[in-house]
């Protein structure tokens, strides 16, 4: 049974949820949502022609395409690790910490 249908049943039943049940239910929803998001993003990247090399690409354009694809796959990897994390996910530090002033 999916986490969505479990949550729907829990919300529509006449019995109130205990805090540990509610936390487990929300964690299941978070994990399932993140897995669906990662799967959809990976599928979109596989079929996206934006990252494929075209015959007219220069070496610089091809490097930029590979770099953008790598950044997208890095974001997908982080989403996957957040989905697999326990209740408190480990968020990565911000890379660009330079002052904007």
PDB file of N, CA and C in Angstrom:
ATOM      1  N   UNK A   1       0.850  -1.168   0.000  1.00  0.00           N
ATOM      2  CA  UNK A   1       0.000   0.000   0.000  1.00  0.00           C
ATOM      3  C   UNK A   1       0.901   1.238   0.000  1.00  0.00           C
ATOM      4  N   UNK A   2       0.552   2.218  -0.811  1.00  0.00           N
ATOM      5  CA  UNK A   2       1.384   3.410  -0.892  1.00  0.00           C
ATOM      6  C   UNK A   2       1.193   4.279   0.346  1.00  0.00           C
ATOM      7  N   UNK A   3       2.137   5.164   0.549  1.00  0.00           N
ATOM      8  CA  UNK A   3       2.067   6.063   1.703  1.00  0.00           C
ATOM      9  C   UNK A   3       0.880   7.017   1.579  1.00  0.00           C
ATOM     10  N   UNK A   4       0.518   7.349   0.344  1.00  0.00           N
ATOM     11  CA  UNK A   4      -0.618   8.248   0.140  1.00  0.00           C
ATOM     12  C   UNK A   4      -1.923   7.606   0.596  1.00  0.00           C
ATOM     13  N   UNK A   5      -2.138   6.353   0.203  1.00  0.00           N
ATOM     14  CA  UNK A   5      -3.384   5.696   0.603  1.00  0.00           C
ATOM     15  C   UNK A   5      -3.402   5.424   2.104  1.00  0.00           C
ATOM     16  N   UNK A   6      -2.247   5.136   2.686  1.00  0.00           N
ATOM     17  CA  UNK A   6      -2.181   4.952   4.136  1.00  0.00           C
ATOM     18  C   UNK A   6      -2.530   6.250   4.856  1.00  0.00           C
ATOM     19  N   UNK A   7      -2.010   7.365   4.353  1.00  0.00           N
ATOM     20  CA  UNK A   7      -2.316   8.663   4.963  1.00  0.00           C
ATOM     21  C   UNK A   7      -3.796   8.994   4.810  1.00  0.00           C
ATOM     22  N   UNK A   8      -4.357   8.705   3.652  1.00  0.00           N
ATOM     23  CA  UNK A   8      -5.781   8.978   3.440  1.00  0.00           C
ATOM     24  C   UNK A   8      -6.637   8.160   4.396  1.00  0.00           C
ATOM     25  N   UNK A   9      -6.307   6.885   4.539  1.00  0.00           N
ATOM     26  CA  UNK A   9      -7.069   6.041   5.471  1.00  0.00           C
ATOM     27  C   UNK A   9      -6.950   6.540   6.901  1.00  0.00           C
ATOM     28  N   UNK A  10      -5.749   6.962   7.276  1.00  0.00           N
ATOM     29  CA  UNK A  10      -5.542   7.445   8.643  1.00  0.00           C
ATOM     30  C   UNK A  10      -6.311   8.741   8.886  1.00  0.00           C
ATOM     31  N   UNK A  11      -6.361   9.603   7.884  1.00  0.00           N
ATOM     32  CA  UNK A  11      -7.054  10.879   8.056  1.00  0.00           C
ATOM     33  C   UNK A  11      -8.571  10.727   8.034  1.00  0.00           C
ATOM     34  N   UNK A  12      -9.067   9.740   7.318  1.00  0.00           N
ATOM     35  CA  UNK A  12     -10.518   9.583   7.218  1.00  0.00           C
ATOM     36  C   UNK A  12     -11.087   8.604   8.236  1.00  0.00           C
ATOM     37  N   UNK A  13     -10.238   7.930   8.978  1.00  0.00           N
ATOM     38  CA  UNK A  13     -10.759   7.017  10.002  1.00  0.00           C
ATOM     39  C   UNK A  13     -11.218   7.823  11.215  1.00  0.00           C
ATOM     40  N   UNK A  14     -12.014   7.209  12.043  1.00  0.00           N
ATOM     41  CA  UNK A  14     -12.538   7.916  13.214  1.00  0.00           C
ATOM     42  C   UNK A  14     -11.541   7.926  14.369  1.00  0.00           C
ATOM     43  N   UNK A  15     -10.475   7.138  14.267  1.00  0.00           N
ATOM     44  CA  UNK A  15      -9.489   7.048  15.339  1.00  0.00           C
ATOM     45  C   UNK A  15      -8.397   8.102  15.140  1.00  0.00           C
ATOM     46  N   UNK A  16      -8.035   8.780  16.205  1.00  0.00           N
ATOM     47  CA  UNK A  16      -6.966   9.781  16.131  1.00  0.00           C
ATOM     48  C   UNK A  16      -5.608   9.077  16.105  1.00  0.00           C
ATOM     49  N   UNK A  17      -4.669   9.673  15.404  1.00  0.00           N
ATOM     50  CA  UNK A  17      -3.325   9.102  15.313  1.00  0.00           C
ATOM     51  C   UNK A  17      -2.498   9.474  16.537  1.00  0.00           C
ATOM     52  N   UNK A  18      -1.690   8.524  16.986  1.00  0.00           N
ATOM     53  CA  UNK A  18      -0.717   8.830  18.033  1.00  0.00           C
ATOM     54  C   UNK A  18       0.429   9.608  17.393  1.00  0.00           C
ATOM     55  N   UNK A  19       1.180  10.375  18.172  1.00  0.00           N
ATOM     56  CA  UNK A  19       2.278  11.163  17.590  1.00  0.00           C
ATOM     57  C   UNK A  19       3.311  10.313  16.851  1.00  0.00           C
ATOM     58  N   UNK A  20       3.639   9.131  17.378  1.00  0.00           N
ATOM     59  CA  UNK A  20       4.624   8.293  16.683  1.00  0.00           C
ATOM     60  C   UNK A  20       4.062   7.751  15.371  1.00  0.00           C
ATOM     61  N   UNK A  21       2.766   7.455  15.340  1.00  0.00           N
ATOM     62  CA  UNK A  21       2.143   7.005  14.093  1.00  0.00           C
ATOM     63  C   UNK A  21       2.129   8.124  13.056  1.00  0.00           C
ATOM     64  N   UNK A  22       1.809   9.330  13.499  1.00  0.00           N
ATOM     65  CA  UNK A  22       1.777  10.472  12.584  1.00  0.00           C
ATOM     66  C   UNK A  22       3.173  10.765  12.030  1.00  0.00           C
ATOM     67  N   UNK A  23       4.190  10.679  12.881  1.00  0.00           N
ATOM     68  CA  UNK A  23       5.561  10.925  12.427  1.00  0.00           C
ATOM     69  C   UNK A  23       5.990   9.872  11.410  1.00  0.00           C
ATOM     70  N   UNK A  24       5.648   8.627  11.668  1.00  0.00           N
ATOM     71  CA  UNK A  24       5.998   7.554  10.736  1.00  0.00           C
ATOM     72  C   UNK A  24       5.257   7.729   9.410  1.00  0.00           C
ATOM     73  N   UNK A  25       4.018   8.138   9.482  1.00  0.00           N
ATOM     74  CA  UNK A  25       3.220   8.366   8.280  1.00  0.00           C
ATOM     75  C   UNK A  25       3.796   9.507   7.448  1.00  0.00           C
ATOM     76  N   UNK A  26       4.173  10.597   8.103  1.00  0.00           N
ATOM     77  CA  UNK A  26       4.754  11.733   7.384  1.00  0.00           C
ATOM     78  C   UNK A  26       6.121  11.384   6.795  1.00  0.00           C
ATOM     79  N   UNK A  27       6.903  10.592   7.511  1.00  0.00           N
ATOM     80  CA  UNK A  27       8.202  10.171   6.977  1.00  0.00           C
ATOM     81  C   UNK A  27       8.008   9.307   5.734  1.00  0.00           C
ATOM     82  N   UNK A  28       7.028   8.429   5.762  1.00  0.00           N
ATOM     83  CA  UNK A  28       6.734   7.604   4.590  1.00  0.00           C
ATOM     84  C   UNK A  28       6.300   8.443   3.401  1.00  0.00           C
ATOM     85  N   UNK A  29       5.486   9.456   3.659  1.00  0.00           N
ATOM     86  CA  UNK A  29       5.064  10.356   2.579  1.00  0.00           C
ATOM     87  C   UNK A  29       6.249  11.119   2.002  1.00  0.00           C
ATOM     88  N   UNK A  30       7.132  11.596   2.877  1.00  0.00           N
ATOM     89  CA  UNK A  30       8.305  12.342   2.417  1.00  0.00           C
ATOM     90  C   UNK A  30       9.201  11.463   1.554  1.00  0.00           C
ATOM     91  N   UNK A  31       9.425  10.245   1.992  1.00  0.00           N
ATOM     92  CA  UNK A  31      10.294   9.338   1.249  1.00  0.00           C
ATOM     93  C   UNK A  31       9.677   8.990  -0.100  1.00  0.00           C
ATOM     94  N   UNK A  32       8.395   8.677  -0.113  1.00  0.00           N
ATOM     95  CA  UNK A  32       7.742   8.307  -1.369  1.00  0.00           C
ATOM     96  C   UNK A  32       7.702   9.482  -2.346  1.00  0.00           C
ATOM     97  N   UNK A  33       7.438  10.676  -1.840  1.00  0.00           N
ATOM     98  CA  UNK A  33       7.409  11.860  -2.705  1.00  0.00           C
ATOM     99  C   UNK A  33       8.785  12.131  -3.295  1.00  0.00           C
ATOM    100  N   UNK A  34       9.817  12.033  -2.482  1.00  0.00           N
ATOM    101  CA  UNK A  34      11.175  12.274  -2.976  1.00  0.00           C
ATOM    102  C   UNK A  34      11.589  11.222  -3.998  1.00  0.00           C
ATOM    103  N   UNK A  35      11.226   9.964  -3.772  1.00  0.00           N
ATOM    104  CA  UNK A  35      11.563   8.916  -4.735  1.00  0.00           C
ATOM    105  C   UNK A  35      10.875   9.159  -6.074  1.00  0.00           C
ATOM    106  N   UNK A  36       9.614   9.577  -6.034  1.00  0.00           N
ATOM    107  CA  UNK A  36       8.899   9.873  -7.276  1.00  0.00           C
ATOM    108  C   UNK A  36       9.518  11.067  -7.997  1.00  0.00           C
ATOM    109  N   UNK A  37       9.909  12.079  -7.240  1.00  0.00           N
ATOM    110  CA  UNK A  37      10.534  13.259  -7.832  1.00  0.00           C
ATOM    111  C   UNK A  37      11.868  12.908  -8.483  1.00  0.00           C
ATOM    112  N   UNK A  38      12.674  12.108  -7.802  1.00  0.00           N
ATOM    113  CA  UNK A  38      13.972  11.708  -8.340  1.00  0.00           C
ATOM    114  C   UNK A  38      13.792  10.870  -9.604  1.00  0.00           C
ATOM    115  N   UNK A  39      12.858   9.939  -9.584  1.00  0.00           N
ATOM    116  CA  UNK A  39      12.628   9.095 -10.758  1.00  0.00           C
ATOM    117  C   UNK A  39      12.174   9.927 -11.954  1.00  0.00           C
ATOM    118  N   UNK A  40      11.293  10.885 -11.721  1.00  0.00           N
ATOM    119  CA  UNK A  40      10.816  11.735 -12.815  1.00  0.00           C
ATOM    120  C   UNK A  40      11.936  12.626 -13.353  1.00  0.00           C
ATOM    121  N   UNK A  41      12.752  13.167 -12.465  1.00  0.00           N
ATOM    122  CA  UNK A  41      13.851  14.033 -12.905  1.00  0.00           C
ATOM    123  C   UNK A  41      14.891  13.240 -13.688  1.00  0.00           C
ATOM    124  N   UNK A  42      15.209  12.032 -13.241  1.00  0.00           N
ATOM    125  CA  UNK A  42      16.165  11.195 -13.970  1.00  0.00           C
ATOM    126  C   UNK A  42      15.636  10.832 -15.353  1.00  0.00           C
ATOM    127  N   UNK A  43      14.369  10.493 -15.423  1.00  0.00           N
ATOM    128  CA  UNK A  43      13.764  10.146 -16.710  1.00  0.00           C
ATOM    129  C   UNK A  43      13.797  11.340 -17.655  1.00  0.00           C
ATOM    130  N   UNK A  44      13.526  12.521 -17.119  1.00  0.00           N
ATOM    131  CA  UNK A  44      13.552  13.737 -17.937  1.00  0.00           C
ATOM    132  C   UNK A  44      14.963  14.026 -18.438  1.00  0.00           C
ATOM    133  N   UNK A  45      15.968  13.824 -17.589  1.00  0.00           N
ATOM    134  CA  UNK A  45      17.349  14.073 -18.004  1.00  0.00           C
ATOM    135  C   UNK A  45      17.818  13.080 -19.060  1.00  0.00           C
ATOM    136  N   UNK A  46      17.366  11.841 -18.960  1.00  0.00           N
ATOM    137  CA  UNK A  46      17.770  10.833 -19.936  1.00  0.00           C
ATOM    138  C   UNK A  46      17.278  11.177 -21.336  1.00  0.00           C
ATOM    139  N   UNK A  47      16.092  11.747 -21.417  1.00  0.00           N
ATOM    140  CA  UNK A  47      15.490  12.016 -22.721  1.00  0.00           C
ATOM    141  C   UNK A  47      15.650  13.462 -23.168  1.00  0.00           C
ATOM    142  N   UNK A  48      16.346  14.262 -22.394  1.00  0.00           N
ATOM    143  CA  UNK A  48      16.507  15.677 -22.722  1.00  0.00           C
ATOM    144  C   UNK A  48      17.644  15.846 -23.722  1.00  0.00           C
ATOM    145  N   UNK A  49      17.343  16.436 -24.854  1.00  0.00           N
ATOM    146  CA  UNK A  49      18.368  16.615 -25.884  1.00  0.00           C
ATOM    147  C   UNK A  49      19.262  17.818 -25.599  1.00  0.00           C
ATOM    148  N   UNK A  50      18.947  18.572 -24.558  1.00  0.00           N
ATOM    149  CA  UNK A  50      19.756  19.737 -24.216  1.00  0.00           C
ATOM    150  C   UNK A  50      21.185  19.338 -23.851  1.00  0.00           C
ATOM    151  N   UNK A  51      21.360  18.147 -23.296  1.00  0.00           N
ATOM    152  CA  UNK A  51      22.674  17.724 -22.824  1.00  0.00           C
ATOM    153  C   UNK A  51      23.413  16.839 -23.826  1.00  0.00           C
ATOM    154  N   UNK A  52      22.800  16.524 -24.941  1.00  0.00           N
ATOM    155  CA  UNK A  52      23.459  15.681 -25.938  1.00  0.00           C
ATOM    156  C   UNK A  52      24.368  16.527 -26.824  1.00  0.00           C
ATOM    157  N   UNK A  53      25.409  15.900 -27.292  1.00  0.00           N
ATOM    158  CA  UNK A  53      26.349  16.612 -28.154  1.00  0.00           C
ATOM    159  C   UNK A  53      25.789  16.679 -29.565  1.00  0.00           C
ATOM    160  N   UNK A  54      25.784  17.873 -30.109  1.00  0.00           N
ATOM    161  CA  UNK A  54      25.341  18.045 -31.493  1.00  0.00           C
ATOM    162  C   UNK A  54      26.576  18.203 -32.383  1.00  0.00           C
ATOM    163  N   UNK A  55      26.435  17.952 -33.671  1.00  0.00           N
ATOM    164  CA  UNK A  55      27.597  18.043 -34.570  1.00  0.00           C
ATOM    165  C   UNK A  55      28.201  19.443 -34.653  1.00  0.00           C
ATOM    166  N   UNK A  56      27.422  20.456 -34.323  1.00  0.00           N
ATOM    167  CA  UNK A  56      27.927  21.826 -34.433  1.00  0.00           C
ATOM    168  C   UNK A  56      28.517  22.347 -33.129  1.00  0.00           C
ATOM    169  N   UNK A  57      28.517  21.543 -32.076  1.00  0.00           N
ATOM    170  CA  UNK A  57      29.054  21.987 -30.786  1.00  0.00           C
ATOM    171  C   UNK A  57      30.571  22.116 -30.840  1.00  0.00           C
ATOM    172  N   UNK A  58      31.053  23.192 -30.258  1.00  0.00           N
ATOM    173  CA  UNK A  58      32.496  23.317 -30.077  1.00  0.00           C
ATOM    174  C   UNK A  58      32.870  22.564 -28.805  1.00  0.00           C
ATOM    175  N   UNK A  59      34.164  22.428 -28.552  1.00  0.00           N
ATOM    176  CA  UNK A  59      34.600  21.734 -27.333  1.00  0.00           C
ATOM    177  C   UNK A  59      34.136  22.473 -26.082  1.00  0.00           C
ATOM    178  N   UNK A  60      34.162  23.796 -26.135  1.00  0.00           N
ATOM    179  CA  UNK A  60      33.711  24.585 -24.990  1.00  0.00           C
ATOM    180  C   UNK A  60      32.227  24.395 -24.713  1.00  0.00           C
ATOM    181  N   UNK A  61      31.418  24.391 -25.768  1.00  0.00           N
ATOM    182  CA  UNK A  61      29.979  24.164 -25.588  1.00  0.00           C
ATOM    183  C   UNK A  61      29.718  22.774 -25.030  1.00  0.00           C
ATOM    184  N   UNK A  62      30.456  21.791 -25.522  1.00  0.00           N
ATOM    185  CA  UNK A  62      30.280  20.419 -25.044  1.00  0.00           C
ATOM    186  C   UNK A  62      30.678  20.294 -23.573  1.00  0.00           C
ATOM    187  N   UNK A  63      31.751  20.972 -23.164  1.00  0.00           N
ATOM    188  CA  UNK A  63      32.146  20.953 -21.750  1.00  0.00           C
ATOM    189  C   UNK A  63      31.079  21.599 -20.875  1.00  0.00           C
ATOM    190  N   UNK A  64      30.499  22.701 -21.347  1.00  0.00           N
ATOM    191  CA  UNK A  64      29.437  23.358 -20.575  1.00  0.00           C
ATOM    192  C   UNK A  64      28.208  22.458 -20.450  1.00  0.00           C
ATOM    193  N   UNK A  65      27.865  21.761 -21.522  1.00  0.00           N
ATOM    194  CA  UNK A  65      26.728  20.831 -21.461  1.00  0.00           C
ATOM    195  C   UNK A  65      27.003  19.711 -20.464  1.00  0.00           C
ATOM    196  N   UNK A  66      28.208  19.163 -20.489  1.00  0.00           N
ATOM    197  CA  UNK A  66      28.556  18.095 -19.541  1.00  0.00           C
ATOM    198  C   UNK A  66      28.536  18.609 -18.109  1.00  0.00           C
ATOM    199  N   UNK A  67      29.009  19.840 -17.911  1.00  0.00           N
ATOM    200  CA  UNK A  67      29.017  20.421 -16.571  1.00  0.00           C
ATOM    201  C   UNK A  67      27.589  20.636 -16.061  1.00  0.00           C
ATOM    202  N   UNK A  68      26.700  21.128 -16.920  1.00  0.00           N
ATOM    203  CA  UNK A  68      25.299  21.308 -16.512  1.00  0.00           C
ATOM    204  C   UNK A  68      24.634  19.969 -16.217  1.00  0.00           C
ATOM    205  N   UNK A  69      24.931  18.960 -17.028  1.00  0.00           N
ATOM    206  CA  UNK A  69      24.382  17.630 -16.787  1.00  0.00           C
ATOM    207  C   UNK A  69      24.903  17.068 -15.465  1.00  0.00           C
ATOM    208  N   UNK A  70      26.183  17.264 -15.199  1.00  0.00           N
ATOM    209  CA  UNK A  70      26.759  16.810 -13.936  1.00  0.00           C
ATOM    210  C   UNK A  70      26.134  17.502 -12.740  1.00  0.00           C
ATOM    211  N   UNK A  71      25.864  18.795 -12.866  1.00  0.00           N
ATOM    212  CA  UNK A  71      25.220  19.527 -11.774  1.00  0.00           C
ATOM    213  C   UNK A  71      23.799  19.018 -11.546  1.00  0.00           C
ATOM    214  N   UNK A  72      23.097  18.716 -12.629  1.00  0.00           N
ATOM    215  CA  UNK A  72      21.738  18.182 -12.494  1.00  0.00           C
ATOM    216  C   UNK A  72      21.761  16.808 -11.834  1.00  0.00           C
ATOM    217  N   UNK A  73      22.711  15.969 -12.217  1.00  0.00           N
ATOM    218  CA  UNK A  73      22.811  14.640 -11.606  1.00  0.00           C
ATOM    219  C   UNK A  73      23.241  14.747 -10.143  1.00  0.00           C
ATOM    220  N   UNK A  74      24.059  15.742  -9.812  1.00  0.00           N
ATOM    221  CA  UNK A  74      24.449  15.973  -8.420  1.00  0.00           C
ATOM    222  C   UNK A  74      23.230  16.347  -7.580  1.00  0.00           C
ATOM    223  N   UNK A  75      22.374  17.197  -8.130  1.00  0.00           N
ATOM    224  CA  UNK A  75      21.146  17.576  -7.417  1.00  0.00           C
ATOM    225  C   UNK A  75      20.238  16.364  -7.225  1.00  0.00           C
ATOM    226  N   UNK A  76      20.158  15.511  -8.220  1.00  0.00           N
ATOM    227  CA  UNK A  76      19.346  14.299  -8.101  1.00  0.00           C
ATOM    228  C   UNK A  76      19.930  13.376  -7.032  1.00  0.00           C
ATOM    229  N   UNK A  77      21.244  13.276  -6.991  1.00  0.00           N
ATOM    230  CA  UNK A  77      21.885  12.462  -5.955  1.00  0.00           C
ATOM    231  C   UNK A  77      21.604  12.989  -4.557  1.00  0.00           C
ATOM    232  N   UNK A  78      21.600  14.306  -4.417  1.00  0.00           N
ATOM    233  CA  UNK A  78      21.290  14.892  -3.104  1.00  0.00           C
ATOM    234  C   UNK A  78      19.838  14.648  -2.723  1.00  0.00           C
ATOM    235  N   UNK A  79      18.939  14.748  -3.691  1.00  0.00           N
ATOM    236  CA  UNK A  79      17.538  14.435  -3.405  1.00  0.00           C
ATOM    237  C   UNK A  79      17.383  12.979  -2.977  1.00  0.00           C
ATOM    238  N   UNK A  80      18.113  12.102  -3.648  1.00  0.00           N
ATOM    239  CA  UNK A  80      18.039  10.682  -3.302  1.00  0.00           C
ATOM    240  C   UNK A  80      18.553  10.444  -1.878  1.00  0.00           C
ATOM    241  N   UNK A  81      19.633  11.121  -1.499  1.00  0.00           N
ATOM    242  CA  UNK A  81      20.162  10.940  -0.144  1.00  0.00           C
ATOM    243  C   UNK A  81      19.224  11.539   0.898  1.00  0.00           C
ATOM    244  N   UNK A  82      18.551  12.636   0.561  1.00  0.00           N
ATOM    245  CA  UNK A  82      17.569  13.202   1.485  1.00  0.00           C
ATOM    246  C   UNK A  82      16.379  12.265   1.654  1.00  0.00           C
ATOM    247  N   UNK A  83      15.991  11.607   0.573  1.00  0.00           N
ATOM    248  CA  UNK A  83      14.860  10.682   0.652  1.00  0.00           C
ATOM    249  C   UNK A  83      15.198   9.473   1.509  1.00  0.00           C
ATOM    250  N   UNK A  84      16.440   9.027   1.451  1.00  0.00           N
ATOM    251  CA  UNK A  84      16.838   7.842   2.207  1.00  0.00           C
ATOM    252  C   UNK A  84      17.230   8.168   3.644  1.00  0.00           C
ATOM    253  N   UNK A  85      17.319   9.452   3.976  1.00  0.00           N
ATOM    254  CA  UNK A  85      17.767   9.853   5.311  1.00  0.00           C
ATOM    255  C   UNK A  85      16.704   9.536   6.359  1.00  0.00           C
ATOM    256  N   UNK A  86      17.136   9.530   7.580  1.00  0.00           N
ATOM    257  CA  UNK A  86      16.204   9.328   8.693  1.00  0.00           C
ATOM    258  C   UNK A  86      15.357  10.590   8.864  1.00  0.00           C
ATOM    259  N   UNK A  87      14.789  10.787  10.011  1.00  0.00           N
ATOM    260  CA  UNK A  87      13.892  11.926  10.209  1.00  0.00           C
ATOM    261  C   UNK A  87      14.600  13.271  10.075  1.00  0.00           C
ATOM    262  N   UNK A  88      15.877  13.337  10.431  1.00  0.00           N
ATOM    263  CA  UNK A  88      16.606  14.598  10.315  1.00  0.00           C
ATOM    264  C   UNK A  88      17.616  14.483   9.181  1.00  0.00           C
ATOM    265  N   UNK A  89      17.303  15.024   8.005  1.00  0.00           N
ATOM    266  CA  UNK A  89      18.236  14.909   6.884  1.00  0.00           C
ATOM    267  C   UNK A  89      19.479  15.767   7.094  1.00  0.00           C
ATOM    268  N   UNK A  90      20.572  15.328   6.501  1.00  0.00           N
ATOM    269  CA  UNK A  90      21.832  16.044   6.575  1.00  0.00           C
ATOM    270  C   UNK A  90      21.952  16.911   5.325  1.00  0.00           C
ATOM    271  N   UNK A  91      21.705  18.207   5.474  1.00  0.00           N
ATOM    272  CA  UNK A  91      21.744  19.109   4.329  1.00  0.00           C
ATOM    273  C   UNK A  91      23.178  19.541   4.061  1.00  0.00           C
ATOM    274  N   UNK A  92      23.587  19.601   2.789  1.00  0.00           N
ATOM    275  CA  UNK A  92      24.957  20.021   2.484  1.00  0.00           C
ATOM    276  C   UNK A  92      25.139  21.514   2.719  1.00  0.00           C
ATOM    277  N   UNK A  93      26.380  21.903   2.973  1.00  0.00           N
ATOM    278  CA  UNK A  93      26.687  23.313   3.164  1.00  0.00           C
ATOM    279  C   UNK A  93      26.562  24.057   1.844  1.00  0.00           C
ATOM    280  N   UNK A  94      26.289  25.336   1.959  1.00  0.00           N
ATOM    281  CA  UNK A  94      26.202  26.169   0.769  1.00  0.00           C
ATOM    282  C   UNK A  94      27.603  26.360   0.215  1.00  0.00           C
ATOM    283  N   UNK A  95      27.760  26.206  -1.096  1.00  0.00           N
ATOM    284  CA  UNK A  95      29.090  26.304  -1.694  1.00  0.00           C
ATOM    285  C   UNK A  95      29.560  27.744  -1.836  1.00  0.00           C
ATOM    286  N   UNK A  96      28.702  28.608  -2.315  1.00  0.00           N
ATOM    287  CA  UNK A  96      29.100  29.988  -2.571  1.00  0.00           C
ATOM    288  C   UNK A  96      28.760  30.821  -1.344  1.00  0.00           C
ATOM    289  N   UNK A  97      29.733  31.042  -0.487  1.00  0.00           N
ATOM    290  CA  UNK A  97      29.481  31.800   0.736  1.00  0.00           C
ATOM    291  C   UNK A  97      30.119  33.184   0.685  1.00  0.00           C
ATOM    292  N   UNK A  98      30.378  33.673  -0.513  1.00  0.00           N
ATOM    293  CA  UNK A  98      30.968  35.004  -0.650  1.00  0.00           C
ATOM    294  C   UNK A  98      29.930  36.077  -0.376  1.00  0.00           C
ATOM    295  N   UNK A  99      30.389  37.195   0.084  1.00  0.00           N
ATOM    296  CA  UNK A  99      29.507  38.311   0.364  1.00  0.00           C
ATOM    297  C   UNK A  99      29.030  38.932  -0.944  1.00  0.00           C
ATOM    298  N   UNK A 100      27.792  39.388  -0.950  1.00  0.00           N
ATOM    299  CA  UNK A 100      27.254  40.021  -2.156  1.00  0.00           C
ATOM    300  C   UNK A 100      27.393  41.530  -2.118  1.00  0.00           C
ATOM    301  N   UNK A 101      27.919  42.061  -1.039  1.00  0.00           N
ATOM    302  CA  UNK A 101      28.045  43.517  -0.948  1.00  0.00           C
ATOM    303  C   UNK A 101      29.381  43.992  -1.459  1.00  0.00           C
TER     304      UNK A 101
END
